Amino acid sequence: MNPRYLLDTSIVSSPVSKTPSPEVIKRLESHGHECAIAAPVWHELTYGCQGLAPGKRRQALEDYLQDVVLASFAILAYDEAAARWHGCERARLDRLGRPTPHVDGQIAAIALANELILVTANVRDFARFKDLTVENWSQRSR
């Protein structure tokens, strides 16, 4: 099945956070087979894990990334189409005096280039991107 959703770092990391969101877990159980992650999200997850001191927590996160994340979700590349959209959108936002973090732009661009709904707990981080559909799975669905 082709993915329908692109998961942000906040969603992928929720199940292993100190206070997992029951809403996120419920939505992942229902829609996990329709999800993918962006290469920059994989980078953020890997970087965060490798930044931890060796120990039980780091090992548990390494296992989660390998056994759950890689086993469950395709990783979508930041390709030419995403880079083109990102460059145009970044310039538009700069002209408006509303620059955004580069990695958020990359994630948004991958969602747009692949016609996916971006799923995040940080809707504000992605609100200024034009034509991007965003859902917050950490809120109770109606």
N, C-alpha and C. Protein backbone atom coordinates (compact mmCIF):
# COMPACT_ATOMS: atom_id res chain seq x y z
N MET A 1 0.85 -1.19 0.00
CA MET A 1 0.00 0.00 0.00
C MET A 1 0.89 1.25 0.00
N ASN A 2 0.52 2.22 -0.77
CA ASN A 2 1.25 3.48 -0.79
C ASN A 2 0.95 4.27 0.48
N PRO A 3 1.95 4.99 0.97
CA PRO A 3 1.71 5.77 2.19
C PRO A 3 0.71 6.90 1.95
N ARG A 4 0.01 7.24 2.99
CA ARG A 4 -0.94 8.35 3.00
C ARG A 4 -0.46 9.45 3.94
N TYR A 5 0.33 9.07 4.93
CA TYR A 5 0.79 9.98 5.98
C TYR A 5 2.31 10.00 6.05
N LEU A 6 2.86 11.18 6.36
CA LEU A 6 4.28 11.32 6.64
C LEU A 6 4.40 11.73 8.10
N LEU A 7 5.10 10.92 8.88
CA LEU A 7 5.19 11.14 10.32
C LEU A 7 6.39 12.03 10.66
N ASP A 8 6.15 13.03 11.50
CA ASP A 8 7.20 13.89 12.02
C ASP A 8 7.87 13.18 13.21
N THR A 9 9.01 13.69 13.59
CA THR A 9 9.78 13.12 14.71
C THR A 9 8.95 13.05 15.98
N SER A 10 8.13 14.06 16.23
CA SER A 10 7.32 14.09 17.46
C SER A 10 6.36 12.91 17.55
N ILE A 11 5.89 12.43 16.42
CA ILE A 11 4.95 11.31 16.39
C ILE A 11 5.70 9.99 16.52
N VAL A 12 6.79 9.84 15.78
CA VAL A 12 7.56 8.60 15.81
C VAL A 12 8.17 8.35 17.18
N SER A 13 8.57 9.42 17.85
CA SER A 13 9.21 9.26 19.15
C SER A 13 8.21 9.17 20.30
N SER A 14 6.96 9.50 20.07
CA SER A 14 5.97 9.49 21.15
C SER A 14 5.84 8.15 21.88
N PRO A 15 5.77 7.02 21.17
CA PRO A 15 5.60 5.75 21.90
C PRO A 15 6.71 5.42 22.88
N VAL A 16 7.91 5.98 22.70
CA VAL A 16 9.01 5.68 23.61
C VAL A 16 9.39 6.88 24.48
N SER A 17 8.52 7.87 24.50
CA SER A 17 8.79 9.03 25.36
C SER A 17 8.42 8.69 26.81
N LYS A 18 8.80 9.57 27.74
CA LYS A 18 8.49 9.33 29.15
C LYS A 18 7.00 9.33 29.41
N THR A 19 6.25 10.11 28.62
CA THR A 19 4.79 10.14 28.72
C THR A 19 4.19 9.94 27.33
N PRO A 20 4.10 8.69 26.88
CA PRO A 20 3.55 8.42 25.55
C PRO A 20 2.11 8.92 25.42
N SER A 21 1.79 9.44 24.26
CA SER A 21 0.44 9.91 23.99
C SER A 21 -0.45 8.73 23.62
N PRO A 22 -1.49 8.46 24.41
CA PRO A 22 -2.40 7.36 24.06
C PRO A 22 -3.06 7.58 22.70
N GLU A 23 -3.32 8.84 22.36
CA GLU A 23 -3.94 9.16 21.08
C GLU A 23 -3.00 8.80 19.92
N VAL A 24 -1.72 9.14 20.07
CA VAL A 24 -0.75 8.83 19.02
C VAL A 24 -0.64 7.31 18.86
N ILE A 25 -0.53 6.60 19.94
CA ILE A 25 -0.41 5.15 19.88
C ILE A 25 -1.64 4.53 19.21
N LYS A 26 -2.81 5.01 19.57
CA LYS A 26 -4.05 4.51 18.96
C LYS A 26 -4.06 4.75 17.45
N ARG A 27 -3.66 5.95 17.03
CA ARG A 27 -3.65 6.28 15.59
C ARG A 27 -2.57 5.49 14.85
N LEU A 28 -1.41 5.29 15.48
CA LEU A 28 -0.37 4.48 14.84
C LEU A 28 -0.83 3.03 14.67
N GLU A 29 -1.54 2.51 15.66
CA GLU A 29 -2.07 1.15 15.54
C GLU A 29 -3.07 1.05 14.41
N SER A 30 -3.88 2.10 14.21
CA SER A 30 -4.90 2.09 13.16
C SER A 30 -4.34 2.39 11.78
N HIS A 31 -3.36 3.30 11.70
CA HIS A 31 -2.91 3.80 10.41
C HIS A 31 -1.43 3.57 10.12
N GLY A 32 -0.73 2.83 10.97
CA GLY A 32 0.70 2.62 10.78
C GLY A 32 1.06 2.07 9.41
N HIS A 33 0.21 1.22 8.87
CA HIS A 33 0.46 0.63 7.55
C HIS A 33 0.35 1.65 6.42
N GLU A 34 -0.18 2.84 6.72
CA GLU A 34 -0.32 3.90 5.72
C GLU A 34 0.71 5.01 5.90
N CYS A 35 1.75 4.77 6.69
CA CYS A 35 2.69 5.82 7.07
C CYS A 35 4.09 5.59 6.52
N ALA A 36 4.79 6.71 6.40
CA ALA A 36 6.21 6.72 6.04
C ALA A 36 6.86 7.81 6.88
N ILE A 37 8.19 7.85 6.84
CA ILE A 37 8.90 8.95 7.49
C ILE A 37 9.85 9.58 6.46
N ALA A 38 10.23 10.80 6.73
CA ALA A 38 11.15 11.53 5.86
C ALA A 38 12.58 11.25 6.29
N ALA A 39 13.50 11.26 5.32
CA ALA A 39 14.91 11.05 5.65
C ALA A 39 15.39 12.01 6.75
N PRO A 40 14.99 13.31 6.74
CA PRO A 40 15.42 14.18 7.85
C PRO A 40 14.87 13.74 9.22
N VAL A 41 13.71 13.12 9.25
CA VAL A 41 13.18 12.58 10.52
C VAL A 41 14.06 11.42 10.98
N TRP A 42 14.45 10.55 10.05
CA TRP A 42 15.35 9.45 10.40
C TRP A 42 16.65 10.02 10.96
N HIS A 43 17.15 11.09 10.35
CA HIS A 43 18.36 11.74 10.85
C HIS A 43 18.15 12.23 12.28
N GLU A 44 17.05 12.93 12.53
CA GLU A 44 16.79 13.46 13.89
C GLU A 44 16.71 12.33 14.91
N LEU A 45 16.03 11.25 14.56
CA LEU A 45 15.90 10.12 15.48
C LEU A 45 17.26 9.48 15.76
N THR A 46 18.03 9.26 14.72
CA THR A 46 19.35 8.65 14.87
C THR A 46 20.28 9.55 15.67
N TYR A 47 20.30 10.82 15.34
CA TYR A 47 21.14 11.79 16.04
C TYR A 47 20.78 11.85 17.53
N GLY A 48 19.50 11.93 17.82
CA GLY A 48 19.06 11.98 19.22
C GLY A 48 19.47 10.75 19.99
N CYS A 49 19.32 9.60 19.38
CA CYS A 49 19.69 8.34 20.03
C CYS A 49 21.19 8.25 20.25
N GLN A 50 21.96 8.57 19.23
CA GLN A 50 23.42 8.46 19.32
C GLN A 50 24.02 9.51 20.25
N GLY A 51 23.27 10.55 20.54
CA GLY A 51 23.75 11.57 21.47
C GLY A 51 23.65 11.16 22.93
N LEU A 52 22.93 10.07 23.18
CA LEU A 52 22.79 9.57 24.55
C LEU A 52 24.03 8.79 24.97
N ALA A 53 24.29 8.82 26.24
CA ALA A 53 25.38 8.00 26.77
C ALA A 53 25.01 6.53 26.63
N PRO A 54 26.00 5.67 26.40
CA PRO A 54 25.71 4.23 26.33
C PRO A 54 25.02 3.78 27.62
N GLY A 55 24.02 2.92 27.46
CA GLY A 55 23.29 2.43 28.62
C GLY A 55 21.96 1.83 28.19
N LYS A 56 21.12 1.53 29.18
CA LYS A 56 19.83 0.88 28.93
C LYS A 56 18.91 1.73 28.06
N ARG A 57 18.82 3.01 28.37
CA ARG A 57 17.92 3.89 27.60
C ARG A 57 18.35 3.96 26.13
N ARG A 58 19.62 4.18 25.91
CA ARG A 58 20.11 4.25 24.53
C ARG A 58 19.87 2.92 23.81
N GLN A 59 20.16 1.80 24.46
CA GLN A 59 19.96 0.50 23.83
C GLN A 59 18.48 0.29 23.49
N ALA A 60 17.60 0.67 24.40
CA ALA A 60 16.16 0.52 24.15
C ALA A 60 15.74 1.37 22.93
N LEU A 61 16.28 2.57 22.82
CA LEU A 61 15.95 3.42 21.68
C LEU A 61 16.54 2.88 20.39
N GLU A 62 17.77 2.38 20.44
CA GLU A 62 18.37 1.76 19.25
C GLU A 62 17.53 0.57 18.79
N ASP A 63 17.07 -0.24 19.74
CA ASP A 63 16.22 -1.38 19.40
C ASP A 63 14.89 -0.91 18.79
N TYR A 64 14.29 0.13 19.36
CA TYR A 64 13.04 0.68 18.84
C TYR A 64 13.23 1.19 17.40
N LEU A 65 14.31 1.91 17.16
CA LEU A 65 14.55 2.43 15.81
C LEU A 65 14.73 1.30 14.81
N GLN A 66 15.49 0.29 15.18
CA GLN A 66 15.76 -0.83 14.27
C GLN A 66 14.54 -1.74 14.12
N ASP A 67 13.98 -2.18 15.24
CA ASP A 67 12.95 -3.22 15.22
C ASP A 67 11.55 -2.71 14.94
N VAL A 68 11.28 -1.45 15.24
CA VAL A 68 9.94 -0.91 15.03
C VAL A 68 9.92 0.09 13.89
N VAL A 69 10.73 1.14 13.99
CA VAL A 69 10.66 2.21 13.00
C VAL A 69 11.09 1.71 11.62
N LEU A 70 12.29 1.17 11.51
CA LEU A 70 12.76 0.68 10.20
C LEU A 70 11.91 -0.46 9.67
N ALA A 71 11.41 -1.29 10.57
CA ALA A 71 10.59 -2.42 10.14
C ALA A 71 9.18 -1.99 9.71
N SER A 72 8.73 -0.82 10.15
CA SER A 72 7.35 -0.41 9.91
C SER A 72 7.17 0.65 8.82
N PHE A 73 8.15 1.52 8.65
CA PHE A 73 7.95 2.70 7.80
C PHE A 73 9.02 2.83 6.72
N ALA A 74 8.57 3.12 5.51
CA ALA A 74 9.49 3.48 4.44
C ALA A 74 10.10 4.84 4.78
N ILE A 75 11.34 5.05 4.37
CA ILE A 75 12.00 6.34 4.56
C ILE A 75 12.07 7.02 3.19
N LEU A 76 11.41 8.18 3.10
CA LEU A 76 11.33 8.91 1.83
C LEU A 76 12.44 9.94 1.73
N ALA A 77 13.04 10.02 0.56
CA ALA A 77 14.18 10.90 0.33
C ALA A 77 13.77 12.34 0.08
N TYR A 78 14.72 13.23 0.35
CA TYR A 78 14.63 14.64 -0.01
C TYR A 78 15.18 14.71 -1.44
N ASP A 79 14.29 14.64 -2.41
CA ASP A 79 14.71 14.54 -3.80
C ASP A 79 14.58 15.87 -4.54
N GLU A 80 14.75 15.83 -5.84
CA GLU A 80 14.72 17.05 -6.65
C GLU A 80 13.39 17.80 -6.53
N ALA A 81 12.28 17.08 -6.58
CA ALA A 81 10.97 17.74 -6.48
C ALA A 81 10.80 18.40 -5.12
N ALA A 82 11.20 17.71 -4.06
CA ALA A 82 11.11 18.29 -2.72
C ALA A 82 12.03 19.49 -2.59
N ALA A 83 13.24 19.38 -3.12
CA ALA A 83 14.20 20.49 -3.03
C ALA A 83 13.70 21.72 -3.79
N ARG A 84 13.09 21.52 -4.95
CA ARG A 84 12.56 22.64 -5.72
C ARG A 84 11.44 23.35 -4.93
N TRP A 85 10.48 22.58 -4.43
CA TRP A 85 9.39 23.18 -3.65
C TRP A 85 9.94 23.89 -2.43
N HIS A 86 10.85 23.25 -1.74
CA HIS A 86 11.43 23.82 -0.53
C HIS A 86 12.13 25.14 -0.83
N GLY A 87 12.91 25.19 -1.90
CA GLY A 87 13.60 26.42 -2.27
C GLY A 87 12.64 27.56 -2.54
N CYS A 88 11.58 27.28 -3.29
CA CYS A 88 10.57 28.30 -3.59
C CYS A 88 9.84 28.74 -2.32
N GLU A 89 9.45 27.78 -1.51
CA GLU A 89 8.70 28.09 -0.29
C GLU A 89 9.57 28.82 0.73
N ARG A 90 10.80 28.43 0.83
CA ARG A 90 11.73 29.10 1.76
C ARG A 90 11.93 30.56 1.34
N ALA A 91 12.09 30.80 0.05
CA ALA A 91 12.24 32.18 -0.45
C ALA A 91 10.97 32.99 -0.18
N ARG A 92 9.80 32.38 -0.40
CA ARG A 92 8.53 33.07 -0.14
C ARG A 92 8.42 33.47 1.33
N LEU A 93 8.73 32.54 2.21
CA LEU A 93 8.64 32.81 3.65
C LEU A 93 9.68 33.84 4.09
N ASP A 94 10.87 33.79 3.51
CA ASP A 94 11.90 34.80 3.82
C ASP A 94 11.42 36.19 3.42
N ARG A 95 10.80 36.30 2.24
CA ARG A 95 10.29 37.61 1.78
C ARG A 95 9.22 38.15 2.73
N LEU A 96 8.48 37.24 3.34
CA LEU A 96 7.43 37.65 4.29
C LEU A 96 7.99 37.91 5.69
N GLY A 97 9.29 37.69 5.86
CA GLY A 97 9.90 37.85 7.19
C GLY A 97 9.51 36.74 8.14
N ARG A 98 9.22 35.55 7.60
CA ARG A 98 8.78 34.41 8.41
C ARG A 98 9.61 33.16 8.12
N PRO A 99 10.94 33.27 8.26
CA PRO A 99 11.77 32.10 7.96
C PRO A 99 11.45 30.94 8.91
N THR A 100 11.74 29.75 8.44
CA THR A 100 11.47 28.54 9.23
C THR A 100 12.75 27.71 9.33
N PRO A 101 12.83 26.84 10.32
CA PRO A 101 13.98 25.95 10.39
C PRO A 101 14.12 25.11 9.12
N HIS A 102 15.34 24.95 8.66
CA HIS A 102 15.60 24.24 7.42
C HIS A 102 15.03 22.83 7.43
N VAL A 103 15.21 22.11 8.53
CA VAL A 103 14.75 20.72 8.59
C VAL A 103 13.23 20.64 8.52
N ASP A 104 12.51 21.59 9.09
CA ASP A 104 11.04 21.59 8.98
C ASP A 104 10.64 21.77 7.53
N GLY A 105 11.36 22.63 6.82
CA GLY A 105 11.09 22.82 5.40
C GLY A 105 11.33 21.56 4.59
N GLN A 106 12.39 20.85 4.93
CA GLN A 106 12.68 19.59 4.22
C GLN A 106 11.56 18.57 4.46
N ILE A 107 11.12 18.45 5.69
CA ILE A 107 10.05 17.49 6.02
C ILE A 107 8.76 17.88 5.31
N ALA A 108 8.41 19.16 5.35
CA ALA A 108 7.21 19.64 4.66
C ALA A 108 7.33 19.37 3.16
N ALA A 109 8.50 19.63 2.59
CA ALA A 109 8.71 19.43 1.16
C ALA A 109 8.54 17.97 0.76
N ILE A 110 9.03 17.07 1.57
CA ILE A 110 8.88 15.64 1.27
C ILE A 110 7.41 15.25 1.32
N ALA A 111 6.67 15.78 2.29
CA ALA A 111 5.23 15.52 2.36
C ALA A 111 4.54 16.04 1.09
N LEU A 112 4.82 17.29 0.71
CA LEU A 112 4.19 17.88 -0.48
C LEU A 112 4.58 17.13 -1.75
N ALA A 113 5.85 16.82 -1.92
CA ALA A 113 6.32 16.16 -3.14
C ALA A 113 5.70 14.78 -3.31
N ASN A 114 5.34 14.15 -2.19
CA ASN A 114 4.75 12.81 -2.23
C ASN A 114 3.24 12.81 -2.00
N GLU A 115 2.65 14.02 -1.94
CA GLU A 115 1.20 14.18 -1.75
C GLU A 115 0.70 13.46 -0.50
N LEU A 116 1.42 13.69 0.61
CA LEU A 116 1.08 13.06 1.87
C LEU A 116 0.61 14.08 2.89
N ILE A 117 -0.14 13.62 3.85
CA ILE A 117 -0.56 14.42 5.00
C ILE A 117 0.56 14.35 6.02
N LEU A 118 1.03 15.50 6.47
CA LEU A 118 2.08 15.53 7.49
C LEU A 118 1.45 15.40 8.87
N VAL A 119 1.92 14.43 9.63
CA VAL A 119 1.40 14.18 10.97
C VAL A 119 2.45 14.63 11.98
N THR A 120 2.03 15.52 12.89
CA THR A 120 2.95 16.07 13.88
C THR A 120 2.18 16.44 15.15
N ALA A 121 2.88 16.52 16.25
CA ALA A 121 2.31 17.08 17.47
C ALA A 121 2.64 18.57 17.56
N ASN A 122 3.44 19.05 16.61
CA ASN A 122 3.89 20.45 16.60
C ASN A 122 3.34 21.17 15.38
N VAL A 123 2.03 21.31 15.31
CA VAL A 123 1.36 21.90 14.16
C VAL A 123 1.89 23.30 13.87
N ARG A 124 2.17 24.06 14.90
CA ARG A 124 2.66 25.43 14.71
C ARG A 124 3.94 25.48 13.89
N ASP A 125 4.79 24.47 14.03
CA ASP A 125 6.05 24.44 13.30
C ASP A 125 5.84 24.37 11.79
N PHE A 126 4.69 23.87 11.36
CA PHE A 126 4.44 23.65 9.94
C PHE A 126 3.30 24.51 9.39
N ALA A 127 2.70 25.34 10.22
CA ALA A 127 1.52 26.11 9.83
C ALA A 127 1.77 27.11 8.72
N ARG A 128 2.97 27.65 8.61
CA ARG A 128 3.19 28.69 7.60
C ARG A 128 3.49 28.16 6.21
N PHE A 129 3.66 26.86 6.05
CA PHE A 129 3.93 26.31 4.72
C PHE A 129 2.65 26.26 3.90
N LYS A 130 2.74 26.78 2.70
CA LYS A 130 1.58 26.87 1.80
C LYS A 130 1.24 25.49 1.24
N ASP A 131 -0.06 25.21 1.21
CA ASP A 131 -0.62 24.01 0.60
C ASP A 131 -0.27 22.70 1.32
N LEU A 132 0.25 22.79 2.52
CA LEU A 132 0.61 21.59 3.28
C LEU A 132 -0.57 21.18 4.17
N THR A 133 -0.97 19.93 4.07
CA THR A 133 -2.03 19.40 4.93
C THR A 133 -1.37 18.78 6.15
N VAL A 134 -1.81 19.21 7.34
CA VAL A 134 -1.19 18.77 8.60
C VAL A 134 -2.27 18.23 9.52
N GLU A 135 -1.95 17.13 10.19
CA GLU A 135 -2.83 16.57 11.22
C GLU A 135 -2.04 16.42 12.51
N ASN A 136 -2.73 16.59 13.63
CA ASN A 136 -2.14 16.42 14.95
C ASN A 136 -2.74 15.18 15.58
N TRP A 137 -1.99 14.09 15.59
CA TRP A 137 -2.50 12.85 16.16
C TRP A 137 -2.39 12.80 17.67
N SER A 138 -1.82 13.80 18.29
CA SER A 138 -1.73 13.79 19.75
C SER A 138 -3.00 14.34 20.39
N GLN A 139 -3.88 14.88 19.57
CA GLN A 139 -5.17 15.37 20.07
C GLN A 139 -6.23 14.30 19.84
N ARG A 140 -7.20 14.30 20.73
CA ARG A 140 -8.28 13.32 20.62
C ARG A 140 -9.04 13.52 19.32
N SER A 141 -9.21 12.43 18.56
CA SER A 141 -9.98 12.52 17.31
C SER A 141 -11.46 12.56 17.63
N ARG A 142 -12.16 13.23 16.76
CA ARG A 142 -13.60 13.40 16.99
C ARG A 142 -14.40 12.40 16.23
